[in-house]
Amino acid sequence: MATDRWPPTDGDGSTVIEYAPDDGTPISIAIVRTIAAIENIDPTALEFTLYDYVNPEALDLLIEHEGSGGAEIRFTVDDYDIYVSETGEIVVREST
């Protein structure tokens, strides 16, 4: 994984970030910030809301409840496939 740029990418162009739920940032916010970083814009400048694709509150509660040993979640947001692993890793990949 390349670490010389933000957001970091792996060999296939996916953006991979580690999510630390104990830092107080909800997973929904981390996902939005990651997409905005990929597009090199402010999160408020995105042309969509996460709520257009998934219920952010439900997503936050699911991850909060399951912690780092439970759910794996996959969904699509705009032109991106989102994967949240059970370890808290968020992978954002452009949809093909």
C-alpha atoms as a PDB file:
ATOM      1  CA  MET A   1       0.000   0.000   0.000  1.00  0.00           C
ATOM      2  CA  ALA A   2       1.365   3.411  -0.927  1.00  0.00           C
ATOM      3  CA  THR A   3       1.564   5.770   2.016  1.00  0.00           C
ATOM      4  CA  ASP A   4       3.032   8.860   0.363  1.00  0.00           C
ATOM      5  CA  ARG A   5      -0.321  10.421  -0.465  1.00  0.00           C
ATOM      6  CA  TRP A   6      -3.688  10.897   1.121  1.00  0.00           C
ATOM      7  CA  PRO A   7      -5.838   9.006   0.820  1.00  0.00           C
ATOM      8  CA  PRO A   8      -3.578   5.947   0.633  1.00  0.00           C
ATOM      9  CA  THR A   9      -4.196   3.440  -2.158  1.00  0.00           C
ATOM     10  CA  ASP A  10      -3.257  -0.159  -2.677  1.00  0.00           C
ATOM     11  CA  GLY A  11      -1.998  -1.697  -5.905  1.00  0.00           C
ATOM     12  CA  ASP A  12      -5.393  -1.912  -7.599  1.00  0.00           C
ATOM     13  CA  GLY A  13      -6.240   1.753  -7.036  1.00  0.00           C
ATOM     14  CA  SER A  14      -8.507   1.128  -4.067  1.00  0.00           C
ATOM     15  CA  THR A  15      -8.384   3.602  -1.219  1.00  0.00           C
ATOM     16  CA  VAL A  16      -7.883   1.877   2.104  1.00  0.00           C
ATOM     17  CA  ILE A  17      -8.140   3.569   5.485  1.00  0.00           C
ATOM     18  CA  GLU A  18      -8.164   2.251   9.012  1.00  0.00           C
ATOM     19  CA  TYR A  19     -11.218   3.193  11.020  1.00  0.00           C
ATOM     20  CA  ALA A  20     -10.738   3.624  14.753  1.00  0.00           C
ATOM     21  CA  PRO A  21     -14.193   3.755  16.355  1.00  0.00           C
ATOM     22  CA  ASP A  22     -12.737   4.861  19.664  1.00  0.00           C
ATOM     23  CA  ASP A  23     -11.620   8.196  18.169  1.00  0.00           C
ATOM     24  CA  GLY A  24     -15.231   9.396  18.272  1.00  0.00           C
ATOM     25  CA  THR A  25     -15.757   9.727  14.510  1.00  0.00           C
ATOM     26  CA  PRO A  26     -18.793   7.782  13.274  1.00  0.00           C
ATOM     27  CA  ILE A  27     -18.090   5.364  10.410  1.00  0.00           C
ATOM     28  CA  SER A  28     -20.537   7.274   8.191  1.00  0.00           C
ATOM     29  CA  ILE A  29     -18.451  10.448   8.571  1.00  0.00           C
ATOM     30  CA  ALA A  30     -15.219   8.530   7.914  1.00  0.00           C
ATOM     31  CA  ILE A  31     -16.675   7.169   4.658  1.00  0.00           C
ATOM     32  CA  VAL A  32     -17.825  10.604   3.484  1.00  0.00           C
ATOM     33  CA  ARG A  33     -14.443  12.131   4.343  1.00  0.00           C
ATOM     34  CA  THR A  34     -12.658   9.373   2.437  1.00  0.00           C
ATOM     35  CA  ILE A  35     -14.737   9.875  -0.704  1.00  0.00           C
ATOM     36  CA  ALA A  36     -14.214  13.639  -0.484  1.00  0.00           C
ATOM     37  CA  ALA A  37     -10.459  13.112  -0.110  1.00  0.00           C
ATOM     38  CA  ILE A  38     -10.408  10.885  -3.197  1.00  0.00           C
ATOM     39  CA  GLU A  39     -12.256  13.577  -5.150  1.00  0.00           C
ATOM     40  CA  ASN A  40     -10.018  16.243  -3.595  1.00  0.00           C
ATOM     41  CA  ILE A  41     -12.956  18.344  -2.416  1.00  0.00           C
ATOM     42  CA  ASP A  42     -14.534  19.397   0.851  1.00  0.00           C
ATOM     43  CA  PRO A  43     -17.061  16.823   2.117  1.00  0.00           C
ATOM     44  CA  THR A  44     -19.813  19.461   1.948  1.00  0.00           C
ATOM     45  CA  ALA A  45     -19.111  19.872  -1.781  1.00  0.00           C
ATOM     46  CA  LEU A  46     -20.009  16.274  -2.651  1.00  0.00           C
ATOM     47  CA  GLU A  47     -22.932  16.085  -5.069  1.00  0.00           C
ATOM     48  CA  PHE A  48     -24.707  13.453  -2.985  1.00  0.00           C
ATOM     49  CA  THR A  49     -25.388  12.624   0.625  1.00  0.00           C
ATOM     50  CA  LEU A  50     -24.632   9.269   2.169  1.00  0.00           C
ATOM     51  CA  TYR A  51     -28.306   9.111   3.111  1.00  0.00           C
ATOM     52  CA  ASP A  52     -29.123   8.862  -0.620  1.00  0.00           C
ATOM     53  CA  TYR A  53     -27.622   5.350  -0.496  1.00  0.00           C
ATOM     54  CA  VAL A  54     -27.721   4.057   3.060  1.00  0.00           C
ATOM     55  CA  ASN A  55     -29.115   5.125   6.402  1.00  0.00           C
ATOM     56  CA  PRO A  56     -26.029   6.637   8.098  1.00  0.00           C
ATOM     57  CA  GLU A  57     -27.483   6.333  11.591  1.00  0.00           C
ATOM     58  CA  ALA A  58     -28.208   2.638  11.101  1.00  0.00           C
ATOM     59  CA  LEU A  59     -24.715   2.101   9.682  1.00  0.00           C
ATOM     60  CA  ASP A  60     -23.142   3.876  12.658  1.00  0.00           C
ATOM     61  CA  LEU A  61     -25.219   1.856  15.120  1.00  0.00           C
ATOM     62  CA  LEU A  62     -24.393  -1.425  13.409  1.00  0.00           C
ATOM     63  CA  ILE A  63     -20.657  -0.772  13.502  1.00  0.00           C
ATOM     64  CA  GLU A  64     -20.850   0.625  17.038  1.00  0.00           C
ATOM     65  CA  HIS A  65     -22.808  -2.416  18.218  1.00  0.00           C
ATOM     66  CA  GLU A  66     -20.691  -5.006  16.405  1.00  0.00           C
ATOM     67  CA  GLY A  67     -17.370  -3.366  17.238  1.00  0.00           C
ATOM     68  CA  SER A  68     -14.303  -4.839  15.641  1.00  0.00           C
ATOM     69  CA  GLY A  69     -15.351  -8.458  15.517  1.00  0.00           C
ATOM     70  CA  GLY A  70     -18.690  -8.615  13.820  1.00  0.00           C
ATOM     71  CA  ALA A  71     -20.218  -7.285  10.682  1.00  0.00           C
ATOM     72  CA  GLU A  72     -18.752  -6.923   7.221  1.00  0.00           C
ATOM     73  CA  ILE A  73     -20.657  -4.418   5.136  1.00  0.00           C
ATOM     74  CA  ARG A  74     -20.633  -3.739   1.393  1.00  0.00           C
ATOM     75  CA  PHE A  75     -22.605  -1.095  -0.471  1.00  0.00           C
ATOM     76  CA  THR A  76     -22.287   1.363  -3.332  1.00  0.00           C
ATOM     77  CA  VAL A  77     -22.223   5.144  -2.962  1.00  0.00           C
ATOM     78  CA  ASP A  78     -22.336   7.209  -6.144  1.00  0.00           C
ATOM     79  CA  ASP A  79     -19.433   5.835  -8.243  1.00  0.00           C
ATOM     80  CA  TYR A  80     -17.747   3.990  -5.370  1.00  0.00           C
ATOM     81  CA  ASP A  81     -17.990   0.517  -3.903  1.00  0.00           C
ATOM     82  CA  ILE A  82     -17.590   0.650  -0.126  1.00  0.00           C
ATOM     83  CA  TYR A  83     -16.427  -2.258   1.989  1.00  0.00           C
ATOM     84  CA  VAL A  84     -16.153  -2.124   5.766  1.00  0.00           C
ATOM     85  CA  SER A  85     -14.325  -5.120   7.184  1.00  0.00           C
ATOM     86  CA  GLU A  86     -14.929  -6.684  10.544  1.00  0.00           C
ATOM     87  CA  THR A  87     -11.576  -5.267  11.684  1.00  0.00           C
ATOM     88  CA  GLY A  88     -12.598  -1.679  10.951  1.00  0.00           C
ATOM     89  CA  GLU A  89     -10.792  -1.250   7.663  1.00  0.00           C
ATOM     90  CA  ILE A  90     -12.671   0.842   5.104  1.00  0.00           C
ATOM     91  CA  VAL A  91     -11.975   0.131   1.437  1.00  0.00           C
ATOM     92  CA  VAL A  92     -13.294   2.557  -1.175  1.00  0.00           C
ATOM     93  CA  ARG A  93     -12.970   1.464  -4.809  1.00  0.00           C
ATOM     94  CA  GLU A  94     -14.288   3.128  -7.930  1.00  0.00           C
ATOM     95  CA  SER A  95     -17.195   1.083  -9.295  1.00  0.00           C
ATOM     96  CA  THR A  96     -16.490  -0.810 -12.477  1.00  0.00           C
END
